[in-house]
Amino acid sequence: MGIEVVFKIAGIGIAVAVACQLLKQAGRDDIAMLTALAGLIIVITIVLSLTGSLFDNLRKLFDLY
């Protein structure tokens, strides 16, 4: 769970950017916005799961519960 997460997020960002540019050039600005929003939600989901596991590890490390 190291650098591959960064590459995954960067890959999602690149794919979403390309899709948005293609959709904007095709005149589908509404779908491009929805694509960008979907990419943002996917990345936020990944980050939140990583944050949850970080807090679990910290809790186990300090024997809080």
N, C-alpha and C. Protein backbone atom coordinates (compact mmCIF):
# COMPACT_ATOMS: atom_id res chain seq x y z
N MET A 1 0.84 -1.19 0.00
CA MET A 1 0.00 0.00 0.00
C MET A 1 0.88 1.25 0.00
N GLY A 2 1.82 1.31 -0.88
CA GLY A 2 2.70 2.45 -0.92
C GLY A 2 2.48 3.33 -2.13
N ILE A 3 3.41 3.24 -3.03
CA ILE A 3 3.42 4.12 -4.18
C ILE A 3 2.33 3.76 -5.19
N GLU A 4 1.84 2.51 -5.13
CA GLU A 4 0.81 2.11 -6.10
C GLU A 4 -0.48 2.89 -5.93
N VAL A 5 -0.76 3.35 -4.72
CA VAL A 5 -1.96 4.16 -4.48
C VAL A 5 -1.81 5.52 -5.17
N VAL A 6 -0.64 6.08 -5.11
CA VAL A 6 -0.38 7.36 -5.77
C VAL A 6 -0.52 7.20 -7.28
N PHE A 7 0.02 6.09 -7.82
CA PHE A 7 -0.11 5.84 -9.25
C PHE A 7 -1.56 5.61 -9.65
N LYS A 8 -2.33 4.95 -8.79
CA LYS A 8 -3.74 4.70 -9.08
C LYS A 8 -4.51 6.02 -9.14
N ILE A 9 -4.27 6.89 -8.18
CA ILE A 9 -4.95 8.18 -8.16
C ILE A 9 -4.52 9.04 -9.35
N ALA A 10 -3.23 9.01 -9.67
CA ALA A 10 -2.75 9.77 -10.83
C ALA A 10 -3.34 9.22 -12.13
N GLY A 11 -3.46 7.92 -12.23
CA GLY A 11 -4.05 7.31 -13.42
C GLY A 11 -5.51 7.69 -13.59
N ILE A 12 -6.23 7.70 -12.48
CA ILE A 12 -7.63 8.13 -12.53
C ILE A 12 -7.72 9.59 -12.96
N GLY A 13 -6.84 10.41 -12.43
CA GLY A 13 -6.83 11.84 -12.80
C GLY A 13 -6.54 12.05 -14.27
N ILE A 14 -5.58 11.31 -14.80
CA ILE A 14 -5.24 11.45 -16.22
C ILE A 14 -6.40 10.97 -17.10
N ALA A 15 -6.99 9.84 -16.73
CA ALA A 15 -8.10 9.30 -17.52
C ALA A 15 -9.29 10.25 -17.52
N VAL A 16 -9.58 10.82 -16.36
CA VAL A 16 -10.70 11.75 -16.26
C VAL A 16 -10.41 13.03 -17.05
N ALA A 17 -9.18 13.50 -16.99
CA ALA A 17 -8.83 14.72 -17.74
C ALA A 17 -8.96 14.50 -19.24
N VAL A 18 -8.50 13.36 -19.72
CA VAL A 18 -8.61 13.06 -21.15
C VAL A 18 -10.08 12.93 -21.55
N ALA A 19 -10.85 12.22 -20.73
CA ALA A 19 -12.27 12.05 -21.06
C ALA A 19 -12.99 13.40 -21.07
N CYS A 20 -12.68 14.24 -20.12
CA CYS A 20 -13.32 15.56 -20.07
C CYS A 20 -12.97 16.40 -21.29
N GLN A 21 -11.72 16.37 -21.69
CA GLN A 21 -11.32 17.14 -22.87
C GLN A 21 -12.01 16.63 -24.13
N LEU A 22 -12.10 15.31 -24.26
CA LEU A 22 -12.78 14.76 -25.43
C LEU A 22 -14.25 15.12 -25.44
N LEU A 23 -14.88 15.04 -24.29
CA LEU A 23 -16.30 15.37 -24.21
C LEU A 23 -16.56 16.85 -24.45
N LYS A 24 -15.68 17.71 -23.95
CA LYS A 24 -15.85 19.15 -24.18
C LYS A 24 -15.69 19.49 -25.65
N GLN A 25 -14.74 18.85 -26.32
CA GLN A 25 -14.56 19.11 -27.75
C GLN A 25 -15.74 18.60 -28.57
N ALA A 26 -16.41 17.58 -28.04
CA ALA A 26 -17.58 17.05 -28.74
C ALA A 26 -18.84 17.85 -28.43
N GLY A 27 -18.70 18.85 -27.56
CA GLY A 27 -19.84 19.69 -27.23
C GLY A 27 -20.72 19.13 -26.13
N ARG A 28 -20.22 18.17 -25.39
CA ARG A 28 -21.00 17.55 -24.31
C ARG A 28 -20.46 18.02 -22.96
N ASP A 29 -20.62 19.31 -22.69
CA ASP A 29 -20.09 19.89 -21.47
C ASP A 29 -20.76 19.32 -20.22
N ASP A 30 -22.03 19.00 -20.31
CA ASP A 30 -22.74 18.46 -19.14
C ASP A 30 -22.21 17.09 -18.76
N ILE A 31 -21.96 16.25 -19.74
CA ILE A 31 -21.42 14.91 -19.47
C ILE A 31 -19.97 15.02 -18.98
N ALA A 32 -19.23 16.00 -19.49
CA ALA A 32 -17.85 16.21 -19.05
C ALA A 32 -17.82 16.58 -17.57
N MET A 33 -18.75 17.42 -17.14
CA MET A 33 -18.81 17.78 -15.73
C MET A 33 -19.16 16.57 -14.87
N LEU A 34 -20.09 15.75 -15.34
CA LEU A 34 -20.45 14.55 -14.59
C LEU A 34 -19.28 13.56 -14.53
N THR A 35 -18.50 13.49 -15.59
CA THR A 35 -17.32 12.62 -15.59
C THR A 35 -16.29 13.11 -14.58
N ALA A 36 -16.06 14.40 -14.54
CA ALA A 36 -15.13 14.96 -13.56
C ALA A 36 -15.62 14.73 -12.14
N LEU A 37 -16.91 14.87 -11.92
CA LEU A 37 -17.49 14.64 -10.60
C LEU A 37 -17.36 13.18 -10.20
N ALA A 38 -17.58 12.27 -11.14
CA ALA A 38 -17.44 10.84 -10.84
C ALA A 38 -15.99 10.50 -10.49
N GLY A 39 -15.04 11.07 -11.22
CA GLY A 39 -13.62 10.85 -10.90
C GLY A 39 -13.26 11.38 -9.53
N LEU A 40 -13.81 12.54 -9.18
CA LEU A 40 -13.55 13.11 -7.86
C LEU A 40 -14.12 12.21 -6.76
N ILE A 41 -15.31 11.69 -6.96
CA ILE A 41 -15.92 10.82 -5.97
C ILE A 41 -15.12 9.53 -5.80
N ILE A 42 -14.61 8.98 -6.89
CA ILE A 42 -13.80 7.77 -6.81
C ILE A 42 -12.53 8.02 -6.02
N VAL A 43 -11.86 9.13 -6.29
CA VAL A 43 -10.61 9.45 -5.58
C VAL A 43 -10.89 9.73 -4.11
N ILE A 44 -11.96 10.44 -3.80
CA ILE A 44 -12.29 10.71 -2.40
C ILE A 44 -12.59 9.41 -1.67
N THR A 45 -13.26 8.46 -2.33
CA THR A 45 -13.53 7.16 -1.71
C THR A 45 -12.23 6.42 -1.39
N ILE A 46 -11.28 6.45 -2.30
CA ILE A 46 -9.98 5.81 -2.07
C ILE A 46 -9.27 6.46 -0.89
N VAL A 47 -9.26 7.79 -0.87
CA VAL A 47 -8.56 8.51 0.20
C VAL A 47 -9.23 8.27 1.55
N LEU A 48 -10.56 8.24 1.58
CA LEU A 48 -11.25 7.99 2.85
C LEU A 48 -10.99 6.60 3.38
N SER A 49 -10.92 5.61 2.51
CA SER A 49 -10.61 4.26 2.98
C SER A 49 -9.19 4.19 3.53
N LEU A 50 -8.26 4.89 2.88
CA LEU A 50 -6.89 4.92 3.38
C LEU A 50 -6.80 5.66 4.72
N THR A 51 -7.58 6.72 4.86
CA THR A 51 -7.59 7.46 6.12
C THR A 51 -8.16 6.60 7.25
N GLY A 52 -9.22 5.83 6.95
CA GLY A 52 -9.79 4.93 7.94
C GLY A 52 -8.80 3.88 8.39
N SER A 53 -8.05 3.31 7.45
CA SER A 53 -7.05 2.31 7.83
C SER A 53 -5.90 2.95 8.61
N LEU A 54 -5.57 4.20 8.31
CA LEU A 54 -4.54 4.90 9.08
C LEU A 54 -4.97 5.06 10.53
N PHE A 55 -6.22 5.47 10.75
CA PHE A 55 -6.69 5.63 12.12
C PHE A 55 -6.79 4.30 12.84
N ASP A 56 -7.14 3.23 12.13
CA ASP A 56 -7.15 1.91 12.76
C ASP A 56 -5.75 1.49 13.18
N ASN A 57 -4.78 1.75 12.33
CA ASN A 57 -3.40 1.41 12.68
C ASN A 57 -2.90 2.23 13.86
N LEU A 58 -3.26 3.52 13.90
CA LEU A 58 -2.85 4.35 15.04
C LEU A 58 -3.50 3.88 16.33
N ARG A 59 -4.76 3.47 16.24
CA ARG A 59 -5.47 2.98 17.42
C ARG A 59 -4.81 1.70 17.93
N LYS A 60 -4.45 0.80 17.02
CA LYS A 60 -3.77 -0.44 17.41
C LYS A 60 -2.38 -0.16 17.96
N LEU A 61 -1.71 0.83 17.40
CA LEU A 61 -0.35 1.15 17.83
C LEU A 61 -0.33 1.66 19.26
N PHE A 62 -1.28 2.49 19.61
CA PHE A 62 -1.29 3.08 20.94
C PHE A 62 -2.22 2.35 21.90
N ASP A 63 -2.83 1.23 21.47
CA ASP A 63 -3.73 0.42 22.30
C ASP A 63 -4.80 1.27 22.95
N LEU A 64 -5.52 2.04 22.14
CA LEU A 64 -6.52 2.95 22.69
C LEU A 64 -7.82 2.25 23.01
N TYR A 65 -8.21 1.25 22.27
CA TYR A 65 -9.47 0.56 22.53
C TYR A 65 -9.19 -0.85 22.88
